Protein backbone atom coordinates (compact mmCIF):
# COMPACT_ATOMS: atom_id res chain seq x y z
CA MET A 1 127.62 -38.71 57.02
CA ASP A 2 131.25 -39.04 56.01
CA SER A 3 132.10 -35.53 57.09
CA GLN A 4 132.55 -36.86 60.61
CA ASP A 5 134.57 -39.73 62.10
CA ASP A 6 133.40 -42.93 60.49
CA SER A 7 134.20 -46.61 60.46
CA ASP A 8 132.07 -48.98 58.43
CA ASP A 9 130.97 -52.48 59.29
CA ARG A 10 133.93 -54.19 57.64
CA ARG A 11 136.02 -56.04 60.16
CA ILE A 12 139.81 -55.78 60.17
CA GLY A 13 140.92 -59.21 59.01
CA ARG A 14 143.37 -61.62 60.56
CA ARG A 15 144.80 -64.84 59.28
CA THR A 16 142.99 -68.04 60.05
CA PHE A 17 145.87 -69.99 61.60
CA LEU A 18 145.71 -69.71 65.41
CA GLN A 19 147.57 -71.69 68.00
CA GLY A 20 144.90 -72.79 70.46
CA THR A 21 146.38 -72.49 73.93
CA THR A 22 148.19 -69.25 73.19
CA LEU A 23 145.03 -67.76 71.71
CA VAL A 24 142.99 -68.55 74.82
CA ALA A 25 145.60 -66.89 77.05
CA ALA A 26 145.88 -63.84 74.82
CA VAL A 27 142.20 -63.04 74.41
CA SER A 28 141.60 -63.76 78.10
CA GLY A 29 144.29 -61.15 78.84
CA PHE A 30 142.28 -58.53 76.98
CA ALA A 31 139.11 -59.60 78.73
CA SER A 32 140.63 -59.53 82.21
CA VAL A 33 141.76 -55.93 81.86
CA LEU A 34 138.36 -54.86 80.55
CA SER A 35 136.09 -57.15 82.55
CA ASP A 36 135.12 -54.81 85.38
CA SER A 37 134.02 -51.70 83.49
CA GLY A 38 135.02 -52.06 79.86
CA VAL A 39 136.31 -49.18 77.78
CA ALA A 40 135.27 -45.64 78.62
CA VAL A 41 132.66 -44.34 76.19
CA PRO A 42 131.30 -40.83 75.58
CA VAL A 43 128.15 -39.99 77.50
CA ASP A 44 125.19 -37.68 76.99
CA THR A 45 124.20 -34.99 79.44
CA VAL A 46 120.81 -34.77 81.11
CA GLN A 47 118.92 -31.78 82.43
CA PRO A 48 119.65 -31.07 86.11
CA THR A 49 116.97 -30.89 88.78
CA ASP A 50 118.94 -28.15 90.54
CA ARG A 51 120.12 -25.20 88.42
CA SER A 52 122.62 -24.16 91.10
CA VAL A 53 125.06 -26.73 89.66
CA PHE A 54 126.02 -24.03 87.12
CA THR A 55 127.07 -21.55 89.84
CA ALA A 56 130.84 -21.64 90.26
CA ASP A 57 134.10 -19.84 90.93
CA THR A 58 137.67 -20.59 89.90
CA GLU A 59 139.57 -20.47 93.20
CA ARG A 60 140.30 -24.21 93.18
CA THR A 61 140.20 -24.90 89.45
CA ASP A 62 143.60 -26.60 89.13
CA ALA A 63 143.03 -28.74 92.22
CA VAL A 64 139.71 -30.09 90.97
CA PHE A 65 140.60 -30.29 87.25
CA PRO A 66 144.38 -31.00 87.25
CA GLN A 67 144.50 -32.00 83.55
CA SER A 68 142.24 -29.09 82.50
CA VAL A 69 139.93 -29.70 79.50
CA ALA A 70 140.09 -30.76 75.85
CA SER A 71 137.79 -31.27 72.89
CA GLY A 72 137.93 -33.69 69.98
CA GLY A 73 135.90 -35.91 67.67
CA PRO A 74 134.42 -33.02 65.67
CA THR A 75 131.31 -33.50 63.53
CA PRO A 76 129.26 -30.87 61.69
CA GLU A 77 126.85 -30.76 64.62
CA GLY A 78 128.98 -31.45 67.65
CA VAL A 79 132.22 -32.34 69.41
CA LEU A 80 133.38 -34.45 72.31
CA LEU A 81 134.30 -32.52 75.48
CA TRP A 82 136.79 -34.06 77.93
CA THR A 83 138.03 -33.51 81.45
CA ARG A 84 139.30 -35.40 84.47
CA ILE A 85 138.31 -34.83 88.09
CA ALA A 86 141.07 -35.31 90.66
CA PRO A 87 140.14 -38.57 92.45
CA GLU A 88 140.67 -37.06 95.89
CA GLU A 89 138.28 -34.22 95.00
CA TYR A 90 135.40 -36.29 93.72
CA GLN A 91 132.84 -36.95 96.45
CA GLY A 92 129.95 -38.07 94.29
CA GLY A 93 127.26 -36.03 92.59
CA PRO A 94 126.91 -34.67 89.06
CA VAL A 95 129.38 -32.73 86.95
CA ALA A 96 127.87 -29.87 84.97
CA VAL A 97 128.78 -28.95 81.38
CA GLU A 98 128.18 -25.50 79.94
CA VAL A 99 128.62 -24.37 76.32
CA GLY A 100 128.30 -20.76 75.22
CA TRP A 101 129.19 -18.26 72.53
CA ASP A 102 131.94 -16.71 74.64
CA ASP A 103 133.72 -16.95 77.98
CA SER A 104 130.92 -15.16 79.83
CA PHE A 105 128.40 -17.98 79.19
CA SER A 106 125.72 -15.28 79.43
CA GLU A 107 123.90 -16.88 76.48
CA PRO A 108 124.20 -20.65 76.99
CA VAL A 109 124.02 -22.83 73.90
CA HIS A 110 123.91 -26.04 75.89
CA ARG A 111 123.68 -26.89 79.57
CA GLY A 112 123.49 -30.32 81.13
CA VAL A 113 124.97 -32.62 83.73
CA VAL A 114 126.81 -35.92 83.73
CA GLU A 115 125.34 -38.03 86.50
CA SER A 116 127.54 -39.71 89.07
CA PRO A 117 127.27 -43.34 87.80
CA ALA A 118 129.22 -42.26 84.69
CA ILE A 119 132.07 -40.77 86.77
CA MET A 120 134.01 -43.73 88.06
CA ALA A 121 137.42 -44.69 89.35
CA ASP A 122 137.39 -47.54 86.81
CA HIS A 123 137.80 -44.84 84.14
CA ASP A 124 140.23 -42.77 86.21
CA HIS A 125 137.50 -40.15 86.80
CA THR A 126 137.72 -39.02 83.17
CA ILE A 127 134.57 -37.70 81.53
CA THR A 128 133.89 -37.46 77.79
CA VAL A 129 130.64 -35.73 76.83
CA ASP A 130 129.13 -36.19 73.37
CA LEU A 131 127.46 -33.07 71.95
CA ASP A 132 126.78 -34.46 68.46
CA GLY A 133 123.47 -33.07 67.20
CA LYS A 134 123.49 -30.17 69.66
CA LEU A 135 125.72 -27.60 67.90
CA SER A 136 125.93 -25.82 64.53
CA PRO A 137 128.36 -26.49 61.67
CA ASP A 138 131.63 -24.59 61.30
CA THR A 139 131.23 -22.76 64.60
CA GLU A 140 133.53 -22.08 67.53
CA TYR A 141 132.15 -22.32 71.06
CA ALA A 142 133.37 -21.76 74.61
CA TYR A 143 132.85 -24.57 77.11
CA ARG A 144 133.62 -25.52 80.71
CA PHE A 145 132.90 -28.16 83.33
CA ILE A 146 131.68 -27.39 86.85
CA TYR A 147 131.88 -29.63 89.88
CA ASN A 148 130.79 -28.82 93.40
CA GLY A 149 131.00 -25.05 92.89
CA THR A 150 134.34 -25.04 91.03
CA ALA A 151 134.63 -24.32 87.31
CA SER A 152 137.30 -25.74 85.03
CA ARG A 153 139.30 -23.50 82.79
CA THR A 154 137.36 -22.40 79.74
CA GLY A 155 138.10 -24.25 76.52
CA ARG A 156 137.31 -23.52 72.90
CA CYS A 157 135.87 -26.12 70.55
CA GLN A 158 135.23 -26.13 66.80
CA THR A 159 132.70 -28.09 64.75
CA LEU A 160 133.27 -29.31 61.19
CA PRO A 161 131.73 -27.46 58.27
CA ASP A 162 128.65 -28.83 56.59
CA PRO A 163 129.93 -31.46 54.11
CA ASN A 164 128.42 -29.53 51.19
CA ALA A 165 129.65 -26.11 52.28
CA THR A 166 132.08 -24.12 50.16
CA ILE A 167 135.26 -23.67 52.22
CA ASP A 168 137.97 -21.17 51.30
CA SER A 169 140.66 -22.36 53.70
CA MET A 170 141.38 -25.04 56.30
CA ARG A 171 144.41 -24.93 58.60
CA LEU A 172 145.86 -27.72 60.75
CA ALA A 173 148.52 -27.55 63.44
CA VAL A 174 150.39 -30.86 63.07
CA LEU A 175 152.37 -32.38 65.95
CA THR A 176 154.05 -35.63 66.93
CA CYS A 177 156.58 -37.31 69.25
CA GLN A 178 156.75 -35.51 72.60
CA ASP A 179 158.99 -37.45 74.98
CA TYR A 180 158.31 -35.70 78.31
CA GLN A 181 161.80 -36.49 79.62
CA ASN A 182 163.61 -35.09 76.60
CA GLY A 183 162.57 -31.45 76.73
CA TYR A 184 159.93 -28.82 77.43
CA TYR A 185 156.71 -28.30 75.53
CA GLY A 186 157.33 -24.71 74.46
CA ALA A 187 156.09 -25.60 70.97
CA TYR A 188 152.61 -25.98 72.43
CA SER A 189 152.68 -22.44 73.83
CA HIS A 190 152.92 -21.21 70.24
CA VAL A 191 150.39 -23.71 68.90
CA ALA A 192 147.91 -22.34 71.44
CA GLU A 193 148.20 -18.93 69.78
CA GLU A 194 148.04 -20.16 66.18
CA ASN A 195 145.01 -19.35 64.06
CA VAL A 196 144.15 -22.92 63.06
CA ASP A 197 140.94 -24.87 62.68
CA PHE A 198 142.10 -28.10 64.33
CA LEU A 199 145.09 -29.71 66.00
CA LEU A 200 146.20 -32.98 64.36
CA HIS A 201 148.39 -35.24 66.51
CA LEU A 202 149.99 -38.12 64.61
CA GLY A 203 151.09 -40.20 67.58
CA ASP A 204 153.65 -40.79 70.33
CA PHE A 205 151.67 -38.47 72.58
CA ILE A 206 153.32 -40.30 75.50
CA TYR A 207 156.42 -42.48 75.76
CA GLU A 208 156.13 -45.62 77.85
CA SER A 209 159.51 -45.04 79.53
CA ALA A 210 160.35 -43.53 82.90
CA ASP A 211 164.13 -44.00 82.80
CA ASN A 212 165.15 -41.73 79.92
CA GLN A 213 165.34 -44.79 77.70
CA TYR A 214 164.78 -42.76 74.55
CA ARG A 215 167.37 -40.07 75.22
CA ALA A 216 170.62 -39.94 73.27
CA PRO A 217 173.95 -39.96 75.16
CA ILE A 218 174.53 -36.29 74.35
CA SER A 219 170.96 -35.17 75.07
CA GLU A 220 170.51 -32.44 77.64
CA GLU A 221 169.16 -33.57 81.00
CA TYR A 222 165.88 -32.26 82.44
CA PRO A 223 165.83 -33.26 86.13
CA ASP A 224 162.45 -31.61 86.72
CA ARG A 225 160.95 -34.01 84.13
CA ASN A 226 161.83 -37.19 86.05
CA LEU A 227 159.16 -39.89 86.17
CA GLU A 228 158.50 -42.81 88.50
CA LEU A 229 155.97 -45.42 87.40
CA PRO A 230 153.60 -46.88 90.04
CA SER A 231 154.76 -50.40 89.17
CA GLY A 232 158.39 -49.50 89.87
CA HIS A 233 159.45 -50.65 86.40
CA ASP A 234 161.38 -48.55 83.89
CA LEU A 235 158.81 -49.31 81.16
CA ALA A 236 155.03 -49.25 81.61
CA HIS A 237 153.54 -52.59 82.60
CA THR A 238 150.15 -51.78 84.09
CA LEU A 239 147.06 -49.65 83.62
CA ALA A 240 148.20 -47.53 86.57
CA ASP A 241 151.51 -46.90 84.77
CA TYR A 242 149.86 -45.66 81.59
CA ARG A 243 147.40 -43.50 83.51
CA TYR A 244 150.27 -41.98 85.46
CA LEU A 245 152.09 -41.12 82.23
CA TYR A 246 149.06 -39.49 80.62
CA ASN A 247 148.17 -37.53 83.73
CA THR A 248 151.76 -36.32 84.08
CA TYR A 249 152.14 -35.35 80.42
CA ARG A 250 148.77 -33.58 80.52
CA SER A 251 149.78 -31.58 83.58
CA ASP A 252 152.17 -29.56 81.40
CA PRO A 253 150.78 -25.99 81.19
CA HIS A 254 151.83 -25.43 77.56
CA LEU A 255 150.14 -28.63 76.41
CA GLN A 256 147.06 -27.76 78.44
CA ARG A 257 146.73 -24.34 76.81
CA ALA A 258 146.96 -25.80 73.30
CA LEU A 259 144.31 -28.44 74.05
CA GLU A 260 142.09 -25.82 75.68
CA ARG A 261 142.32 -23.63 72.60
CA HIS A 262 141.98 -26.13 69.72
CA THR A 263 139.85 -29.17 68.98
CA LEU A 264 142.02 -32.28 68.68
CA ILE A 265 142.06 -34.96 65.99
CA ALA A 266 144.22 -37.70 67.49
CA GLY A 267 146.00 -40.68 66.03
CA TRP A 268 148.52 -42.94 67.73
CA ASP A 269 151.79 -44.71 66.99
CA ASP A 270 153.89 -47.25 68.90
CA HIS A 271 154.93 -45.51 72.13
CA GLU A 272 151.36 -45.22 73.39
CA VAL A 273 151.88 -48.94 74.07
CA ALA A 274 155.51 -49.97 73.46
CA ASP A 275 158.29 -49.29 70.98
CA ASN A 276 157.96 -50.90 67.52
CA ARG A 277 154.88 -52.91 68.47
CA TYR A 278 153.14 -55.14 65.92
CA TRP A 279 150.62 -57.99 65.75
CA ASP A 280 151.81 -61.61 65.75
CA TYR A 281 149.28 -63.42 63.58
CA ASP A 282 150.71 -66.85 64.47
CA THR A 283 149.79 -66.43 68.15
CA ASP A 284 147.03 -63.87 67.47
CA SER A 285 148.50 -61.53 70.05
CA PRO A 286 150.49 -58.31 70.20
CA ARG A 287 154.28 -58.44 70.15
CA LEU A 288 156.32 -55.75 71.94
CA PRO A 289 159.91 -56.35 70.79
CA SER A 290 161.49 -53.65 72.97
CA HIS A 291 159.62 -54.56 76.17
CA PRO A 292 161.09 -57.07 78.65
CA GLU A 293 157.81 -59.04 78.64
CA GLY A 294 156.95 -58.30 75.04
CA ASP A 295 157.69 -61.79 73.68
CA ASP A 296 155.22 -63.46 76.07
CA PRO A 297 151.81 -63.40 74.30
CA ASP A 298 149.83 -63.32 77.54
CA ALA A 299 151.90 -60.51 79.09
CA ALA A 300 152.02 -58.51 75.85
CA THR A 301 148.25 -58.81 75.55
CA ARG A 302 147.67 -57.55 79.11
CA ILE A 303 150.06 -54.63 78.58
CA THR A 304 148.48 -53.68 75.24
CA ALA A 305 144.96 -53.89 76.65
CA ALA A 306 145.95 -51.66 79.57
CA ALA A 307 147.51 -49.12 77.21
CA ILE A 308 144.46 -49.08 74.93
CA LYS A 309 142.11 -48.65 77.87
CA ALA A 310 144.16 -45.66 79.08
CA TRP A 311 144.30 -44.17 75.56
CA VAL A 312 140.51 -44.31 75.22
CA GLU A 313 140.07 -42.70 78.63
CA GLN A 314 142.42 -39.86 77.76
CA PHE A 315 141.40 -38.90 74.21
CA PRO A 316 138.10 -37.38 73.05
CA ALA A 317 137.94 -39.47 69.87
CA ARG A 318 135.12 -41.31 68.11
CA ILE A 319 136.72 -44.72 67.93
CA ASP A 320 134.68 -47.79 67.02
CA TYR A 321 134.56 -50.32 69.84
CA GLU A 322 132.45 -53.48 69.98
CA PRO A 323 132.13 -55.08 73.45
CA ALA A 324 132.62 -58.82 73.62
CA GLU A 325 129.58 -61.03 73.84
CA VAL A 326 128.52 -61.98 77.35
CA GLY A 327 130.44 -65.03 78.50
CA ALA A 328 133.00 -64.84 75.70
CA PRO A 329 136.58 -63.65 76.22
CA GLY A 330 136.52 -61.52 73.08
CA ASP A 331 139.44 -60.26 71.00
CA LEU A 332 140.11 -56.53 71.23
CA HIS A 333 142.34 -56.79 68.18
CA GLU A 334 139.12 -57.21 66.17
CA ARG A 335 136.87 -55.04 68.34
CA PHE A 336 138.84 -51.78 68.52
CA ARG A 337 139.06 -49.68 65.35
CA LEU A 338 140.82 -46.33 65.23
CA GLN A 339 140.63 -45.51 61.53
CA ARG A 340 138.40 -42.50 60.84
CA ARG A 341 137.47 -40.04 58.14
CA PHE A 342 136.75 -36.30 58.35
CA ARG A 343 135.32 -34.05 55.66
CA PHE A 344 135.90 -30.30 55.73
CA GLY A 345 133.19 -29.02 53.39
CA ASP A 346 134.05 -29.24 49.71
CA LEU A 347 137.74 -28.52 50.30
CA THR A 348 139.46 -31.36 52.17
CA THR A 349 138.96 -34.97 53.23
CA LEU A 350 141.24 -36.33 55.96
CA VAL A 351 141.62 -40.11 56.23
CA LEU A 352 143.32 -41.32 59.41
CA THR A 353 144.68 -44.88 59.52
CA ASP A 354 145.80 -47.22 62.31
CA GLU A 355 149.23 -48.65 61.44
CA ARG A 356 149.91 -50.63 64.62
CA LEU A 357 147.09 -52.97 65.64
CA PHE A 358 147.08 -54.97 62.41
CA ARG A 359 150.65 -54.79 61.11
CA ASP A 360 152.81 -57.82 60.48
CA PRO A 361 156.29 -57.92 62.02
CA PRO A 362 158.80 -55.95 59.97
CA PRO A 363 161.35 -57.82 57.84
CA ALA A 364 164.26 -59.28 59.75
CA PHE A 365 166.78 -57.50 57.55
CA ALA A 366 166.89 -54.45 55.27
CA ASN A 367 165.21 -54.88 51.87
CA GLY A 368 163.60 -58.10 53.14
CA ASP A 369 159.94 -57.38 52.38
CA LYS A 370 157.62 -60.11 51.14
CA PRO A 371 154.48 -59.71 49.00
CA ASP A 372 151.86 -60.44 51.67
CA ARG A 373 153.39 -58.36 54.47
CA THR A 374 150.84 -55.80 55.67
CA MET A 375 150.83 -52.71 57.84
CA LEU A 376 147.14 -51.89 57.56
CA GLY A 377 145.55 -55.32 57.44
CA THR A 378 143.59 -56.50 54.41
CA ASP A 379 140.24 -54.97 55.34
CA GLN A 380 141.58 -51.65 56.61
CA ARG A 381 143.63 -51.28 53.43
CA GLN A 382 140.47 -51.74 51.35
CA TRP A 383 138.59 -49.29 53.61
CA PHE A 384 141.41 -46.78 53.11
CA LEU A 385 141.43 -47.13 49.32
CA ASP A 386 137.65 -46.83 49.20
CA ALA A 387 137.80 -43.70 51.36
CA ILE A 388 140.31 -42.10 48.99
CA ASP A 389 138.34 -43.16 45.91
CA ASP A 390 135.06 -41.86 47.36
CA ALA A 391 136.45 -38.47 48.42
CA GLU A 392 134.60 -35.67 46.64
CA THR A 393 136.67 -32.78 47.96
CA GLN A 394 139.44 -30.88 46.20
CA TRP A 395 142.18 -32.17 48.51
CA THR A 396 142.55 -35.67 49.93
CA VAL A 397 144.82 -36.02 52.97
CA TRP A 398 146.26 -39.16 54.56
CA GLY A 399 146.90 -38.82 58.30
CA ASN A 400 149.76 -41.31 58.47
CA GLU A 401 151.96 -42.51 61.35
CA VAL A 402 155.29 -43.47 59.76
CA LEU A 403 157.33 -42.39 56.72
CA THR A 404 155.92 -43.71 53.43
CA MET A 405 158.74 -42.61 51.11
CA PRO A 406 161.86 -44.79 51.00
CA LEU A 407 164.83 -43.47 52.97
CA GLU A 408 167.88 -45.25 51.60
CA MET A 409 171.59 -45.16 52.32
CA GLY A 410 173.82 -46.33 49.50
CA THR A 411 172.71 -47.07 45.95
CA GLY A 412 172.05 -50.05 43.76
CA ALA A 413 173.05 -53.44 45.13
CA ILE A 414 174.70 -51.93 48.21
CA GLY A 415 171.77 -49.66 49.04
CA SER A 416 169.53 -50.46 51.99
CA TYR A 417 166.45 -48.98 53.60
CA LEU A 418 167.10 -47.37 56.97
CA ASN A 419 163.81 -47.86 58.82
CA ARG A 420 162.11 -51.24 58.54
CA ASP A 421 159.49 -50.15 61.09
CA ALA A 422 158.27 -47.52 58.58
CA TRP A 423 156.82 -48.24 55.14
CA ASP A 424 160.36 -49.18 54.03
CA GLY A 425 159.60 -52.54 55.63
CA TYR A 426 156.24 -52.82 53.83
CA ARG A 427 157.14 -51.68 50.33
CA ASP A 428 154.93 -54.17 48.50
CA GLU A 429 151.80 -52.93 50.25
CA TYR A 430 152.91 -49.33 49.68
CA ARG A 431 153.29 -50.02 45.94
CA THR A 432 149.82 -51.57 45.90
CA ILE A 433 148.37 -48.41 47.43
CA MET A 434 150.23 -45.99 45.19
CA ARG A 435 149.47 -47.91 41.99
CA HIS A 436 145.79 -48.06 42.92
CA LEU A 437 145.68 -44.30 43.41
CA ALA A 438 147.53 -43.73 40.12
CA ARG A 439 145.15 -45.98 38.17
CA ASN A 440 142.17 -44.17 39.63
CA GLY A 441 143.55 -40.75 38.77
CA THR A 442 143.75 -39.51 42.37
CA SER A 443 144.89 -35.89 42.40
CA ASN A 444 145.76 -33.32 45.06
CA PHE A 445 146.86 -36.14 47.39
CA ILE A 446 148.81 -35.01 50.46
CA THR A 447 150.20 -37.22 53.25
CA LEU A 448 150.94 -35.80 56.70
CA THR A 449 153.39 -37.92 58.70
CA GLY A 450 155.10 -37.98 62.10
CA ASP A 451 157.37 -40.51 63.85
CA LEU A 452 160.87 -39.81 62.47
CA HIS A 453 161.54 -36.61 64.51
CA THR A 454 162.45 -34.79 61.31
CA ALA A 455 161.03 -32.09 59.06
CA MET A 456 160.83 -33.55 55.58
CA ALA A 457 159.06 -33.20 52.24
CA GLY A 458 159.11 -35.31 49.12
CA TYR A 459 157.22 -37.21 46.45
CA GLN A 460 155.17 -40.39 46.73
CA ARG A 461 155.53 -42.52 43.61
CA THR A 462 154.32 -45.83 42.23
CA GLY A 463 157.97 -46.92 42.38
CA TYR A 464 161.44 -45.47 42.84
CA ASP A 465 163.51 -47.11 40.13
CA PRO A 466 165.25 -44.26 38.26
CA PHE A 467 165.09 -46.24 35.02
CA SER A 468 161.37 -47.03 35.15
CA ASP A 469 158.25 -45.08 34.19
CA ASP A 470 157.02 -44.74 37.77
CA GLU A 471 154.52 -41.96 38.36
CA ARG A 472 154.28 -39.30 41.01
CA VAL A 473 151.09 -39.81 43.01
CA GLY A 474 151.27 -37.31 45.86
CA VAL A 475 153.40 -35.28 48.25
CA GLU A 476 154.40 -36.24 51.78
CA PHE A 477 155.05 -33.64 54.49
CA MET A 478 156.61 -34.77 57.77
CA THR A 479 156.28 -32.67 60.92
CA PRO A 480 159.22 -32.43 63.36
CA ALA A 481 159.11 -33.82 66.88
CA VAL A 482 158.03 -31.62 69.77
CA THR A 483 160.88 -32.91 71.96
CA SER A 484 161.92 -36.45 70.99
CA VAL A 485 165.52 -37.21 70.08
CA ASN A 486 166.58 -36.36 66.52
CA LEU A 487 169.73 -36.66 64.44
CA SER A 488 171.39 -33.64 66.02
CA GLU A 489 171.35 -35.47 69.39
CA ILE A 490 172.60 -38.74 67.92
CA VAL A 491 175.46 -37.54 65.71
CA LEU A 492 177.95 -35.42 67.62
CA GLY A 493 178.92 -32.27 65.74
CA ILE A 494 176.11 -32.32 63.22
CA ASP A 495 175.00 -28.86 64.38
CA ASP A 496 178.33 -27.50 63.20
CA ILE A 497 177.80 -28.68 59.62
CA ASP A 498 174.03 -28.15 59.39
CA PRO A 499 174.37 -24.47 58.38
CA PHE A 500 175.95 -25.80 55.19
CA ASP A 501 173.03 -28.24 54.59
CA VAL A 502 175.44 -31.18 54.41
CA THR A 503 172.92 -33.62 55.91
CA GLU A 504 170.13 -32.51 53.60
CA GLN A 505 172.40 -32.75 50.57
CA ALA A 506 173.48 -36.27 51.49
CA VAL A 507 169.91 -37.46 52.03
CA THR A 508 168.47 -35.83 48.92
CA THR A 509 171.34 -37.04 46.72
CA LEU A 510 170.77 -40.66 47.72
CA ASN A 511 166.97 -40.17 47.73
CA PRO A 512 166.14 -37.81 44.85
CA HIS A 513 162.40 -38.03 45.60
CA ILE A 514 163.08 -36.13 48.86
CA GLU A 515 163.13 -32.35 48.38
CA PHE A 516 163.66 -31.17 51.96
CA PHE A 517 165.19 -32.81 55.03
CA ASP A 518 166.13 -31.36 58.43
CA SER A 519 166.65 -33.43 61.56
CA SER A 520 168.21 -30.71 63.69
CA ILE A 521 165.11 -28.87 64.94
CA TRP A 522 162.08 -29.40 67.16
CA GLY A 523 158.70 -27.76 66.87
CA TYR A 524 155.55 -28.21 64.79
CA SER A 525 154.09 -27.46 61.39
CA ILE A 526 151.08 -25.59 60.06
CA VAL A 527 149.46 -27.04 56.94
CA GLU A 528 146.93 -24.90 55.10
CA PHE A 529 144.62 -26.00 52.29
CA THR A 530 143.01 -23.51 49.91
CA GLY A 531 141.56 -23.71 46.42
CA ASP A 532 144.95 -22.65 45.06
CA ALA A 533 147.50 -24.68 47.04
CA CYS A 534 148.52 -26.75 50.03
CA THR A 535 151.12 -24.84 52.07
CA TYR A 536 153.38 -26.47 54.69
CA THR A 537 155.24 -24.27 57.15
CA VAL A 538 157.68 -25.64 59.72
CA TYR A 539 158.34 -23.73 62.94
CA SER A 540 161.32 -24.49 65.15
CA VAL A 541 161.02 -24.00 68.91
CA ASP A 542 163.89 -24.51 71.37
CA LYS A 543 162.81 -27.40 73.59
CA SER A 544 165.47 -26.55 76.22
CA VAL A 545 163.67 -23.33 77.19
CA LYS A 546 160.93 -23.93 79.73
CA GLU A 547 159.10 -20.60 79.59
CA SER A 548 158.52 -18.24 76.66
CA PRO A 549 160.73 -19.91 74.04
CA ARG A 550 160.97 -18.12 70.71
CA LYS A 551 159.62 -19.69 67.55
CA GLN A 552 161.25 -19.30 64.17
CA ARG A 553 159.78 -20.00 60.75
CA HIS A 554 162.16 -22.61 59.44
CA GLU A 555 160.78 -23.54 56.03
CA THR A 556 157.69 -22.96 53.90
CA LEU A 557 156.81 -25.14 50.92
CA ARG A 558 153.70 -25.26 48.76
CA VAL A 559 152.03 -27.62 46.30
CA PRO A 560 149.88 -25.79 43.73
CA ALA A 561 146.47 -27.37 43.19
CA GLY A 562 146.38 -29.81 40.28
CA THR A 563 150.11 -30.59 40.49
CA THR A 564 152.56 -32.80 42.35
CA GLU A 565 155.24 -30.12 42.40
CA ILE A 566 156.85 -28.86 45.61
CA GLU A 567 157.69 -25.18 45.43
CA SER A 568 159.78 -23.20 47.89
CA VAL A 569 158.20 -20.07 49.36
CA GLU A 570 160.56 -17.22 50.11
CA ARG A 571 160.97 -16.48 53.83
């Protein structure tokens, strides 16, 4: 049923050349991190023998459930429910799960318990419960966990519509890039109150740094957001480091409220592991170019495996994971697949890709792409194209990590692409994708992107030569960062000229396919799909205000159905 998360049986390919001794060290690094308990997987509930497990109060809720609750992995008949028990509070015994129509739970829809063997320190006492097959399509429910007489906060979860249902509207809150040390999460306080169907996070949920590495020199300081990794390093090295980061980020009350209120569809980008990470096909191991141990295949493999293990523990997501055969070291690069597909009735298909585990290194210099360089990997690229071709809904949406449109400074022979880590470094593969979609007549194609800490909108084309017959294929909308550093923190004085749109004019003049550009705000976007149009609204929220920051509608753009035209909507 392709209305829920799905990955097919096609394996994500790698090149055949492997260097023997390095390969053994690398895959053994993955295996050593996962050997004791493997990757956390969703569990089913069972019926309790003692109904008193559902009796609870809320006096010690935050002590027992310090990261609160979240839901994700929606299907037409279920969701995944997530929580974490404070290790010092867990004394054995079951954890109860209760789902109801409202906060009173007077008419339970589902009740069950997770038995103690599934609640383990090896998974950081996180619990992910799978309710697929137990709920109804296109329905919102209340839920909570109960342990030893204490109830968690009450969350809200949402199932997908039936794949054949007629849907009038679907709304996503879209977020990305939330460096904990670079500001407060006031944007999430507003997201919690938004009337949306799902929350889409496009990556950089955490940053692997504890030393303000990703601040700009003129960035404001936030001393109450200081971090200290268990390993003592400035960048995450160990599983304990990544768990500490997730648990700290998820202790933020604004973030908690948003995850309590909306069901999450989660992607990732580089900082969930390390900055600008990629896969080195010569050594068949990850490469972490900004990490002090990132050039050592064995160390990079251990770090990446630890980060992936922590990610899986922390996100209610239906990823595809194949355990290694008994006695074999295994290769998590091949066994872990994040790409998924969601169908929202007859209106929208969302295809989410993984642009980190299988990507080649970027070109060493600007405009240095080569024909076989890949970001998706051969098999994932084919899976992606098939998913777009097979979509039967009015709108097809790509949940994408990094900017697809070229962002160029200069023109002609002296022009160069600015961001080789984005699709600018993988232009040949991008052209392959766009030309395929054009040949197949793909229409109503929208891409939602994060990563660049900028609000942006523009056109995806089969090519960008002004003298060619390149076609428009779709529209790309980029959501701003929640807190991470943007151009206004890098270029001193840019705030003084922004009211005159000087930056936007410079970018759009050199890049005429870009219609809107603003790198001076933080916040989030709401993207709504209807039978008539896709509408993108950017909200700015002051990240320097800890409590009750104001939000401001910054820009609204729409794409009428059946067109690739971006229209401005009056404020």
